[in-house]
Protein backbone atom coordinates (compact mmCIF):
# COMPACT_ATOMS: atom_id res chain seq x y z
CA UNK A 1 0.00 0.00 0.00
CA UNK A 2 2.87 2.37 0.79
CA UNK A 3 4.40 1.66 -2.64
CA UNK A 4 1.12 2.45 -4.40
CA UNK A 5 0.73 5.68 -2.39
CA UNK A 6 4.32 6.66 -3.14
CA UNK A 7 3.86 5.98 -6.87
CA UNK A 8 0.60 7.97 -6.83
CA UNK A 9 2.24 10.95 -5.12
CA UNK A 10 5.21 10.92 -7.51
CA UNK A 11 2.89 10.71 -10.53
CA UNK A 12 0.71 13.53 -9.16
CA UNK A 13 3.79 15.70 -8.48
CA UNK A 14 5.24 15.16 -11.97
CA UNK A 15 1.89 15.82 -13.62
CA UNK A 16 1.33 18.93 -11.48
CA UNK A 17 4.75 20.38 -12.29
CA UNK A 18 4.25 19.76 -16.01
CA UNK A 19 0.92 21.60 -15.90
CA UNK A 20 2.52 24.57 -14.14
CA UNK A 21 5.43 24.49 -16.61
CA UNK A 22 3.00 24.71 -19.52
CA UNK A 23 1.32 27.72 -17.94
CA UNK A 24 4.68 29.40 -17.42
CA UNK A 25 6.24 28.66 -20.79
CA UNK A 26 3.65 29.83 -23.26
CA UNK A 27 3.90 29.96 -27.01
CA UNK A 28 2.67 33.36 -28.20
CA UNK A 29 1.55 34.42 -31.67
CA UNK A 30 1.76 38.14 -32.48
CA UNK A 31 0.03 39.93 -35.34
CA UNK A 32 0.25 43.65 -36.06
CA UNK A 33 0.87 46.54 -38.43
CA UNK A 34 2.44 49.98 -38.48
CA UNK A 35 4.45 52.60 -40.41
CA UNK A 36 7.82 52.07 -42.14
CA UNK A 37 10.56 54.37 -43.37
CA UNK A 38 12.78 53.20 -46.23
CA UNK A 39 15.79 55.32 -45.37
CA UNK A 40 17.72 54.45 -48.52
CA UNK A 41 15.44 56.20 -51.00
CA UNK A 42 13.30 58.32 -48.67
CA UNK A 43 9.97 56.49 -48.77
CA UNK A 44 7.36 55.72 -46.14
CA UNK A 45 4.85 52.91 -46.10
CA UNK A 46 3.15 50.21 -44.02
CA UNK A 47 4.26 46.87 -42.58
CA UNK A 48 2.21 43.81 -41.62
CA UNK A 49 3.89 41.58 -39.05
CA UNK A 50 3.43 37.95 -37.91
CA UNK A 51 5.62 36.43 -35.22
CA UNK A 52 5.83 33.30 -33.06
CA UNK A 53 7.56 33.63 -29.69
CA UNK A 54 9.02 30.51 -28.04
CA UNK A 55 10.11 30.89 -24.41
CA UNK A 56 13.58 29.36 -23.93
CA UNK A 57 14.46 30.63 -20.46
CA UNK A 58 13.19 32.79 -17.62
CA UNK A 59 13.67 35.96 -19.69
CA UNK A 60 14.76 34.69 -23.12
CA UNK A 61 12.81 33.87 -26.27
CA UNK A 62 13.39 32.75 -29.87
CA UNK A 63 11.15 34.60 -32.34
CA UNK A 64 10.73 33.64 -36.01
CA UNK A 65 8.72 36.24 -37.90
CA UNK A 66 7.37 37.14 -41.32
CA UNK A 67 6.82 40.82 -42.24
CA UNK A 68 5.50 42.36 -45.46
CA UNK A 69 6.31 45.98 -46.33
CA UNK A 70 4.92 48.20 -49.08
CA UNK A 71 5.87 51.83 -49.68
CA UNK A 72 3.11 54.41 -50.12
CA UNK A 73 4.77 57.72 -50.91
CA UNK A 74 7.99 59.72 -50.92
CA UNK A 75 9.05 62.23 -48.28
CA UNK A 76 9.98 64.63 -51.09
CA UNK A 77 7.28 66.80 -52.64
CA UNK A 78 8.24 66.90 -56.32
CA UNK A 79 6.37 69.32 -58.56
CA UNK A 80 6.96 66.97 -61.48
CA UNK A 81 4.74 63.87 -61.00
CA UNK A 82 7.20 61.84 -63.10
CA UNK A 83 9.65 62.09 -60.20
CA UNK A 84 7.17 60.52 -57.76
CA UNK A 85 7.26 56.99 -59.12
CA UNK A 86 9.81 55.58 -56.66
CA UNK A 87 8.44 52.63 -54.73
CA UNK A 88 9.70 49.64 -52.80
CA UNK A 89 8.32 46.49 -51.20
CA UNK A 90 9.67 43.46 -49.44
CA UNK A 91 9.08 40.28 -47.49
CA UNK A 92 11.29 39.95 -44.40
CA UNK A 93 11.97 36.60 -42.72
CA UNK A 94 13.63 37.21 -39.35
CA UNK A 95 14.72 35.00 -36.48
CA UNK A 96 15.61 36.97 -33.38
CA UNK A 97 16.85 36.20 -29.90
CA UNK A 98 14.92 38.26 -27.35
CA UNK A 99 15.87 39.05 -23.77
CA UNK A 100 13.58 40.85 -21.30
CA UNK A 101 15.54 43.63 -19.62
CA UNK A 102 12.79 45.07 -17.42
CA UNK A 103 9.68 43.45 -15.95
CA UNK A 104 7.50 45.43 -13.54
CA UNK A 105 5.09 44.16 -10.88
CA UNK A 106 2.22 44.85 -13.30
CA UNK A 107 3.92 42.70 -15.97
CA UNK A 108 5.01 45.57 -18.21
CA UNK A 109 8.13 44.40 -20.09
CA UNK A 110 10.89 46.09 -22.05
CA UNK A 111 13.04 43.77 -24.15
CA UNK A 112 15.82 43.84 -26.74
CA UNK A 113 16.11 41.43 -29.66
CA UNK A 114 18.65 40.86 -32.41
CA UNK A 115 19.01 38.39 -35.25
CA UNK A 116 19.47 37.74 -38.96
CA UNK A 117 17.04 39.10 -41.52
CA UNK A 118 16.47 37.65 -44.99
CA UNK A 119 14.74 39.94 -47.47
CA UNK A 120 13.00 39.18 -50.74
CA UNK A 121 12.01 42.47 -52.33
CA UNK A 122 12.52 45.12 -54.95
CA UNK A 123 12.58 48.85 -55.53
CA UNK A 124 11.75 50.98 -58.55
CA UNK A 125 13.97 54.07 -58.70
CA UNK A 126 14.81 56.85 -61.14
CA UNK A 127 18.03 55.96 -62.95
CA UNK A 128 18.41 58.86 -65.38
CA UNK A 129 16.69 61.64 -67.31
CA UNK A 130 17.34 62.14 -71.04
CA UNK A 131 16.38 65.23 -73.01
CA UNK A 132 15.30 64.95 -76.62
CA UNK A 133 15.85 67.60 -79.30
CA UNK A 134 12.61 69.29 -78.33
CA UNK A 135 13.88 69.44 -74.70
CA UNK A 136 11.16 67.05 -73.52
CA UNK A 137 12.53 64.97 -70.62
CA UNK A 138 12.52 61.17 -70.84
CA UNK A 139 12.49 59.60 -67.37
CA UNK A 140 14.19 56.21 -67.08
CA UNK A 141 13.36 54.02 -64.09
CA UNK A 142 15.01 50.78 -63.11
CA UNK A 143 13.82 47.90 -60.96
CA UNK A 144 16.30 46.29 -58.60
CA UNK A 145 15.39 43.00 -56.95
CA UNK A 146 16.77 41.90 -53.58
CA UNK A 147 17.63 38.51 -52.17
CA UNK A 148 19.87 39.43 -49.28
CA UNK A 149 20.76 38.74 -45.69
CA UNK A 150 21.14 41.49 -43.13
CA UNK A 151 20.56 42.06 -39.45
CA UNK A 152 17.64 43.39 -37.43
CA UNK A 153 17.69 45.13 -34.02
CA UNK A 154 14.47 45.46 -32.04
CA UNK A 155 13.11 47.21 -28.95
CA UNK A 156 9.93 45.54 -27.65
CA UNK A 157 7.31 46.74 -25.17
CA UNK A 158 4.74 44.26 -23.82
CA UNK A 159 1.90 44.92 -21.40
CA UNK A 160 -1.11 42.85 -20.26
CA UNK A 161 -4.53 42.90 -21.85
CA UNK A 162 -7.88 42.64 -20.05
CA UNK A 163 -8.17 39.23 -21.70
CA UNK A 164 -5.82 36.79 -19.93
CA UNK A 165 -5.05 34.94 -23.18
CA UNK A 166 -3.87 38.09 -24.96
CA UNK A 167 -1.23 40.76 -24.54
CA UNK A 168 -0.53 44.16 -26.07
CA UNK A 169 2.81 44.82 -27.68
CA UNK A 170 4.72 47.54 -29.52
CA UNK A 171 7.83 46.89 -31.57
CA UNK A 172 10.46 49.22 -33.02
CA UNK A 173 12.76 47.45 -35.47
CA UNK A 174 15.79 48.64 -37.42
CA UNK A 175 16.86 46.41 -40.31
CA UNK A 176 20.23 46.86 -41.98
CA UNK A 177 21.49 45.57 -45.31
CA UNK A 178 24.71 46.03 -47.27
CA UNK A 179 26.27 48.18 -44.54
CA UNK A 180 23.43 50.76 -44.51
CA UNK A 181 21.90 51.23 -41.02
CA UNK A 182 19.03 51.43 -40.61
CA UNK A 183 17.81 50.71 -44.12
CA UNK A 184 14.26 50.11 -42.84
CA UNK A 185 12.83 51.60 -39.65
CA UNK A 186 9.52 50.05 -38.57
CA UNK A 187 7.13 50.81 -35.71
CA UNK A 188 4.49 48.12 -35.15
CA UNK A 189 1.54 47.77 -32.81
CA UNK A 190 0.76 44.11 -32.15
CA UNK A 191 -1.68 41.86 -30.33
CA UNK A 192 -0.29 38.65 -28.84
CA UNK A 193 -2.33 35.46 -28.47
CA UNK A 194 -1.23 32.72 -26.03
CA UNK A 195 -1.42 29.39 -27.87
CA UNK A 196 -0.89 27.01 -24.93
C-alpha atoms as a PDB file:
ATOM      1  CA  UNK A   1       0.000   0.000   0.000  1.00  0.00           C
ATOM      2  CA  UNK A   2       2.873   2.370   0.787  1.00  0.00           C
ATOM      3  CA  UNK A   3       4.403   1.660  -2.639  1.00  0.00           C
ATOM      4  CA  UNK A   4       1.124   2.454  -4.397  1.00  0.00           C
ATOM      5  CA  UNK A   5       0.728   5.676  -2.386  1.00  0.00           C
ATOM      6  CA  UNK A   6       4.315   6.657  -3.140  1.00  0.00           C
ATOM      7  CA  UNK A   7       3.863   5.977  -6.866  1.00  0.00           C
ATOM      8  CA  UNK A   8       0.599   7.966  -6.829  1.00  0.00           C
ATOM      9  CA  UNK A   9       2.240  10.955  -5.118  1.00  0.00           C
ATOM     10  CA  UNK A  10       5.212  10.925  -7.506  1.00  0.00           C
ATOM     11  CA  UNK A  11       2.888  10.712 -10.529  1.00  0.00           C
ATOM     12  CA  UNK A  12       0.709  13.530  -9.160  1.00  0.00           C
ATOM     13  CA  UNK A  13       3.793  15.702  -8.481  1.00  0.00           C
ATOM     14  CA  UNK A  14       5.244  15.160 -11.971  1.00  0.00           C
ATOM     15  CA  UNK A  15       1.886  15.819 -13.621  1.00  0.00           C
ATOM     16  CA  UNK A  16       1.332  18.927 -11.480  1.00  0.00           C
ATOM     17  CA  UNK A  17       4.750  20.381 -12.291  1.00  0.00           C
ATOM     18  CA  UNK A  18       4.252  19.763 -16.013  1.00  0.00           C
ATOM     19  CA  UNK A  19       0.916  21.602 -15.896  1.00  0.00           C
ATOM     20  CA  UNK A  20       2.519  24.569 -14.136  1.00  0.00           C
ATOM     21  CA  UNK A  21       5.429  24.491 -16.613  1.00  0.00           C
ATOM     22  CA  UNK A  22       2.999  24.705 -19.523  1.00  0.00           C
ATOM     23  CA  UNK A  23       1.322  27.722 -17.944  1.00  0.00           C
ATOM     24  CA  UNK A  24       4.676  29.404 -17.417  1.00  0.00           C
ATOM     25  CA  UNK A  25       6.242  28.665 -20.792  1.00  0.00           C
ATOM     26  CA  UNK A  26       3.651  29.826 -23.260  1.00  0.00           C
ATOM     27  CA  UNK A  27       3.902  29.960 -27.009  1.00  0.00           C
ATOM     28  CA  UNK A  28       2.671  33.362 -28.200  1.00  0.00           C
ATOM     29  CA  UNK A  29       1.545  34.418 -31.670  1.00  0.00           C
ATOM     30  CA  UNK A  30       1.758  38.137 -32.482  1.00  0.00           C
ATOM     31  CA  UNK A  31       0.027  39.928 -35.338  1.00  0.00           C
ATOM     32  CA  UNK A  32       0.251  43.646 -36.060  1.00  0.00           C
ATOM     33  CA  UNK A  33       0.869  46.542 -38.431  1.00  0.00           C
ATOM     34  CA  UNK A  34       2.439  49.983 -38.478  1.00  0.00           C
ATOM     35  CA  UNK A  35       4.446  52.598 -40.410  1.00  0.00           C
ATOM     36  CA  UNK A  36       7.816  52.065 -42.138  1.00  0.00           C
ATOM     37  CA  UNK A  37      10.559  54.370 -43.373  1.00  0.00           C
ATOM     38  CA  UNK A  38      12.776  53.196 -46.233  1.00  0.00           C
ATOM     39  CA  UNK A  39      15.788  55.325 -45.375  1.00  0.00           C
ATOM     40  CA  UNK A  40      17.721  54.449 -48.518  1.00  0.00           C
ATOM     41  CA  UNK A  41      15.437  56.201 -51.004  1.00  0.00           C
ATOM     42  CA  UNK A  42      13.296  58.324 -48.670  1.00  0.00           C
ATOM     43  CA  UNK A  43       9.966  56.490 -48.774  1.00  0.00           C
ATOM     44  CA  UNK A  44       7.364  55.722 -46.142  1.00  0.00           C
ATOM     45  CA  UNK A  45       4.848  52.909 -46.101  1.00  0.00           C
ATOM     46  CA  UNK A  46       3.152  50.213 -44.019  1.00  0.00           C
ATOM     47  CA  UNK A  47       4.258  46.873 -42.583  1.00  0.00           C
ATOM     48  CA  UNK A  48       2.210  43.814 -41.618  1.00  0.00           C
ATOM     49  CA  UNK A  49       3.887  41.580 -39.054  1.00  0.00           C
ATOM     50  CA  UNK A  50       3.427  37.955 -37.913  1.00  0.00           C
ATOM     51  CA  UNK A  51       5.618  36.426 -35.215  1.00  0.00           C
ATOM     52  CA  UNK A  52       5.829  33.304 -33.062  1.00  0.00           C
ATOM     53  CA  UNK A  53       7.556  33.629 -29.690  1.00  0.00           C
ATOM     54  CA  UNK A  54       9.022  30.508 -28.035  1.00  0.00           C
ATOM     55  CA  UNK A  55      10.115  30.891 -24.412  1.00  0.00           C
ATOM     56  CA  UNK A  56      13.579  29.359 -23.929  1.00  0.00           C
ATOM     57  CA  UNK A  57      14.457  30.632 -20.456  1.00  0.00           C
ATOM     58  CA  UNK A  58      13.190  32.791 -17.623  1.00  0.00           C
ATOM     59  CA  UNK A  59      13.669  35.960 -19.689  1.00  0.00           C
ATOM     60  CA  UNK A  60      14.757  34.691 -23.119  1.00  0.00           C
ATOM     61  CA  UNK A  61      12.807  33.873 -26.269  1.00  0.00           C
ATOM     62  CA  UNK A  62      13.389  32.749 -29.874  1.00  0.00           C
ATOM     63  CA  UNK A  63      11.151  34.601 -32.338  1.00  0.00           C
ATOM     64  CA  UNK A  64      10.733  33.639 -36.008  1.00  0.00           C
ATOM     65  CA  UNK A  65       8.716  36.239 -37.903  1.00  0.00           C
ATOM     66  CA  UNK A  66       7.370  37.141 -41.324  1.00  0.00           C
ATOM     67  CA  UNK A  67       6.818  40.816 -42.236  1.00  0.00           C
ATOM     68  CA  UNK A  68       5.499  42.356 -45.455  1.00  0.00           C
ATOM     69  CA  UNK A  69       6.310  45.975 -46.328  1.00  0.00           C
ATOM     70  CA  UNK A  70       4.919  48.205 -49.078  1.00  0.00           C
ATOM     71  CA  UNK A  71       5.867  51.828 -49.684  1.00  0.00           C
ATOM     72  CA  UNK A  72       3.112  54.405 -50.123  1.00  0.00           C
ATOM     73  CA  UNK A  73       4.770  57.721 -50.912  1.00  0.00           C
ATOM     74  CA  UNK A  74       7.991  59.720 -50.915  1.00  0.00           C
ATOM     75  CA  UNK A  75       9.052  62.228 -48.279  1.00  0.00           C
ATOM     76  CA  UNK A  76       9.978  64.628 -51.094  1.00  0.00           C
ATOM     77  CA  UNK A  77       7.278  66.801 -52.644  1.00  0.00           C
ATOM     78  CA  UNK A  78       8.238  66.899 -56.320  1.00  0.00           C
ATOM     79  CA  UNK A  79       6.367  69.323 -58.562  1.00  0.00           C
ATOM     80  CA  UNK A  80       6.960  66.971 -61.479  1.00  0.00           C
ATOM     81  CA  UNK A  81       4.736  63.868 -61.004  1.00  0.00           C
ATOM     82  CA  UNK A  82       7.197  61.844 -63.100  1.00  0.00           C
ATOM     83  CA  UNK A  83       9.647  62.089 -60.199  1.00  0.00           C
ATOM     84  CA  UNK A  84       7.172  60.524 -57.757  1.00  0.00           C
ATOM     85  CA  UNK A  85       7.259  56.987 -59.124  1.00  0.00           C
ATOM     86  CA  UNK A  86       9.806  55.583 -56.662  1.00  0.00           C
ATOM     87  CA  UNK A  87       8.440  52.634 -54.727  1.00  0.00           C
ATOM     88  CA  UNK A  88       9.700  49.638 -52.805  1.00  0.00           C
ATOM     89  CA  UNK A  89       8.318  46.492 -51.200  1.00  0.00           C
ATOM     90  CA  UNK A  90       9.670  43.464 -49.435  1.00  0.00           C
ATOM     91  CA  UNK A  91       9.084  40.279 -47.491  1.00  0.00           C
ATOM     92  CA  UNK A  92      11.295  39.946 -44.403  1.00  0.00           C
ATOM     93  CA  UNK A  93      11.974  36.600 -42.722  1.00  0.00           C
ATOM     94  CA  UNK A  94      13.634  37.207 -39.349  1.00  0.00           C
ATOM     95  CA  UNK A  95      14.721  34.995 -36.478  1.00  0.00           C
ATOM     96  CA  UNK A  96      15.610  36.966 -33.379  1.00  0.00           C
ATOM     97  CA  UNK A  97      16.851  36.198 -29.897  1.00  0.00           C
ATOM     98  CA  UNK A  98      14.918  38.262 -27.347  1.00  0.00           C
ATOM     99  CA  UNK A  99      15.866  39.052 -23.770  1.00  0.00           C
ATOM    100  CA  UNK A 100      13.577  40.849 -21.301  1.00  0.00           C
ATOM    101  CA  UNK A 101      15.539  43.631 -19.624  1.00  0.00           C
ATOM    102  CA  UNK A 102      12.792  45.068 -17.421  1.00  0.00           C
ATOM    103  CA  UNK A 103       9.677  43.450 -15.949  1.00  0.00           C
ATOM    104  CA  UNK A 104       7.498  45.434 -13.536  1.00  0.00           C
ATOM    105  CA  UNK A 105       5.092  44.158 -10.880  1.00  0.00           C
ATOM    106  CA  UNK A 106       2.217  44.848 -13.300  1.00  0.00           C
ATOM    107  CA  UNK A 107       3.918  42.699 -15.966  1.00  0.00           C
ATOM    108  CA  UNK A 108       5.009  45.565 -18.211  1.00  0.00           C
ATOM    109  CA  UNK A 109       8.131  44.397 -20.087  1.00  0.00           C
ATOM    110  CA  UNK A 110      10.894  46.092 -22.051  1.00  0.00           C
ATOM    111  CA  UNK A 111      13.042  43.775 -24.151  1.00  0.00           C
ATOM    112  CA  UNK A 112      15.816  43.841 -26.741  1.00  0.00           C
ATOM    113  CA  UNK A 113      16.109  41.429 -29.661  1.00  0.00           C
ATOM    114  CA  UNK A 114      18.654  40.860 -32.411  1.00  0.00           C
ATOM    115  CA  UNK A 115      19.013  38.387 -35.249  1.00  0.00           C
ATOM    116  CA  UNK A 116      19.474  37.738 -38.956  1.00  0.00           C
ATOM    117  CA  UNK A 117      17.036  39.104 -41.522  1.00  0.00           C
ATOM    118  CA  UNK A 118      16.472  37.652 -44.992  1.00  0.00           C
ATOM    119  CA  UNK A 119      14.741  39.944 -47.473  1.00  0.00           C
ATOM    120  CA  UNK A 120      12.996  39.185 -50.741  1.00  0.00           C
ATOM    121  CA  UNK A 121      12.007  42.466 -52.325  1.00  0.00           C
ATOM    122  CA  UNK A 122      12.519  45.121 -54.948  1.00  0.00           C
ATOM    123  CA  UNK A 123      12.576  48.848 -55.527  1.00  0.00           C
ATOM    124  CA  UNK A 124      11.749  50.977 -58.551  1.00  0.00           C
ATOM    125  CA  UNK A 125      13.974  54.072 -58.702  1.00  0.00           C
ATOM    126  CA  UNK A 126      14.811  56.846 -61.139  1.00  0.00           C
ATOM    127  CA  UNK A 127      18.033  55.957 -62.946  1.00  0.00           C
ATOM    128  CA  UNK A 128      18.414  58.861 -65.381  1.00  0.00           C
ATOM    129  CA  UNK A 129      16.688  61.640 -67.310  1.00  0.00           C
ATOM    130  CA  UNK A 130      17.340  62.144 -71.038  1.00  0.00           C
ATOM    131  CA  UNK A 131      16.383  65.228 -73.015  1.00  0.00           C
ATOM    132  CA  UNK A 132      15.302  64.951 -76.624  1.00  0.00           C
ATOM    133  CA  UNK A 133      15.855  67.596 -79.300  1.00  0.00           C
ATOM    134  CA  UNK A 134      12.610  69.295 -78.331  1.00  0.00           C
ATOM    135  CA  UNK A 135      13.882  69.437 -74.702  1.00  0.00           C
ATOM    136  CA  UNK A 136      11.163  67.048 -73.517  1.00  0.00           C
ATOM    137  CA  UNK A 137      12.532  64.965 -70.622  1.00  0.00           C
ATOM    138  CA  UNK A 138      12.517  61.170 -70.839  1.00  0.00           C
ATOM    139  CA  UNK A 139      12.494  59.601 -67.371  1.00  0.00           C
ATOM    140  CA  UNK A 140      14.193  56.207 -67.080  1.00  0.00           C
ATOM    141  CA  UNK A 141      13.359  54.022 -64.086  1.00  0.00           C
ATOM    142  CA  UNK A 142      15.011  50.781 -63.107  1.00  0.00           C
ATOM    143  CA  UNK A 143      13.815  47.898 -60.963  1.00  0.00           C
ATOM    144  CA  UNK A 144      16.303  46.293 -58.602  1.00  0.00           C
ATOM    145  CA  UNK A 145      15.385  42.996 -56.948  1.00  0.00           C
ATOM    146  CA  UNK A 146      16.770  41.898 -53.581  1.00  0.00           C
ATOM    147  CA  UNK A 147      17.631  38.507 -52.169  1.00  0.00           C
ATOM    148  CA  UNK A 148      19.874  39.435 -49.284  1.00  0.00           C
ATOM    149  CA  UNK A 149      20.757  38.738 -45.691  1.00  0.00           C
ATOM    150  CA  UNK A 150      21.140  41.495 -43.127  1.00  0.00           C
ATOM    151  CA  UNK A 151      20.559  42.058 -39.454  1.00  0.00           C
ATOM    152  CA  UNK A 152      17.645  43.386 -37.427  1.00  0.00           C
ATOM    153  CA  UNK A 153      17.686  45.133 -34.025  1.00  0.00           C
ATOM    154  CA  UNK A 154      14.472  45.463 -32.037  1.00  0.00           C
ATOM    155  CA  UNK A 155      13.108  47.206 -28.950  1.00  0.00           C
ATOM    156  CA  UNK A 156       9.931  45.536 -27.654  1.00  0.00           C
ATOM    157  CA  UNK A 157       7.310  46.743 -25.172  1.00  0.00           C
ATOM    158  CA  UNK A 158       4.742  44.260 -23.824  1.00  0.00           C
ATOM    159  CA  UNK A 159       1.898  44.920 -21.396  1.00  0.00           C
ATOM    160  CA  UNK A 160      -1.109  42.852 -20.259  1.00  0.00           C
ATOM    161  CA  UNK A 161      -4.532  42.904 -21.852  1.00  0.00           C
ATOM    162  CA  UNK A 162      -7.880  42.644 -20.053  1.00  0.00           C
ATOM    163  CA  UNK A 163      -8.170  39.233 -21.702  1.00  0.00           C
ATOM    164  CA  UNK A 164      -5.823  36.785 -19.935  1.00  0.00           C
ATOM    165  CA  UNK A 165      -5.052  34.941 -23.183  1.00  0.00           C
ATOM    166  CA  UNK A 166      -3.869  38.093 -24.960  1.00  0.00           C
ATOM    167  CA  UNK A 167      -1.232  40.760 -24.541  1.00  0.00           C
ATOM    168  CA  UNK A 168      -0.527  44.156 -26.068  1.00  0.00           C
ATOM    169  CA  UNK A 169       2.810  44.822 -27.684  1.00  0.00           C
ATOM    170  CA  UNK A 170       4.717  47.544 -29.521  1.00  0.00           C
ATOM    171  CA  UNK A 171       7.833  46.886 -31.572  1.00  0.00           C
ATOM    172  CA  UNK A 172      10.459  49.216 -33.020  1.00  0.00           C
ATOM    173  CA  UNK A 173      12.763  47.452 -35.468  1.00  0.00           C
ATOM    174  CA  UNK A 174      15.790  48.636 -37.420  1.00  0.00           C
ATOM    175  CA  UNK A 175      16.860  46.410 -40.312  1.00  0.00           C
ATOM    176  CA  UNK A 176      20.229  46.860 -41.983  1.00  0.00           C
ATOM    177  CA  UNK A 177      21.487  45.568 -45.315  1.00  0.00           C
ATOM    178  CA  UNK A 178      24.713  46.035 -47.274  1.00  0.00           C
ATOM    179  CA  UNK A 179      26.267  48.180 -44.541  1.00  0.00           C
ATOM    180  CA  UNK A 180      23.432  50.760 -44.506  1.00  0.00           C
ATOM    181  CA  UNK A 181      21.901  51.233 -41.022  1.00  0.00           C
ATOM    182  CA  UNK A 182      19.029  51.434 -40.614  1.00  0.00           C
ATOM    183  CA  UNK A 183      17.808  50.715 -44.123  1.00  0.00           C
ATOM    184  CA  UNK A 184      14.263  50.110 -42.840  1.00  0.00           C
ATOM    185  CA  UNK A 185      12.832  51.598 -39.655  1.00  0.00           C
ATOM    186  CA  UNK A 186       9.521  50.046 -38.568  1.00  0.00           C
ATOM    187  CA  UNK A 187       7.127  50.807 -35.712  1.00  0.00           C
ATOM    188  CA  UNK A 188       4.493  48.119 -35.154  1.00  0.00           C
ATOM    189  CA  UNK A 189       1.537  47.774 -32.806  1.00  0.00           C
ATOM    190  CA  UNK A 190       0.765  44.111 -32.155  1.00  0.00           C
ATOM    191  CA  UNK A 191      -1.684  41.864 -30.327  1.00  0.00           C
ATOM    192  CA  UNK A 192      -0.294  38.654 -28.837  1.00  0.00           C
ATOM    193  CA  UNK A 193      -2.329  35.460 -28.475  1.00  0.00           C
ATOM    194  CA  UNK A 194      -1.235  32.719 -26.033  1.00  0.00           C
ATOM    195  CA  UNK A 195      -1.418  29.388 -27.873  1.00  0.00           C
ATOM    196  CA  UNK A 196      -0.887  27.009 -24.928  1.00  0.00           C
END
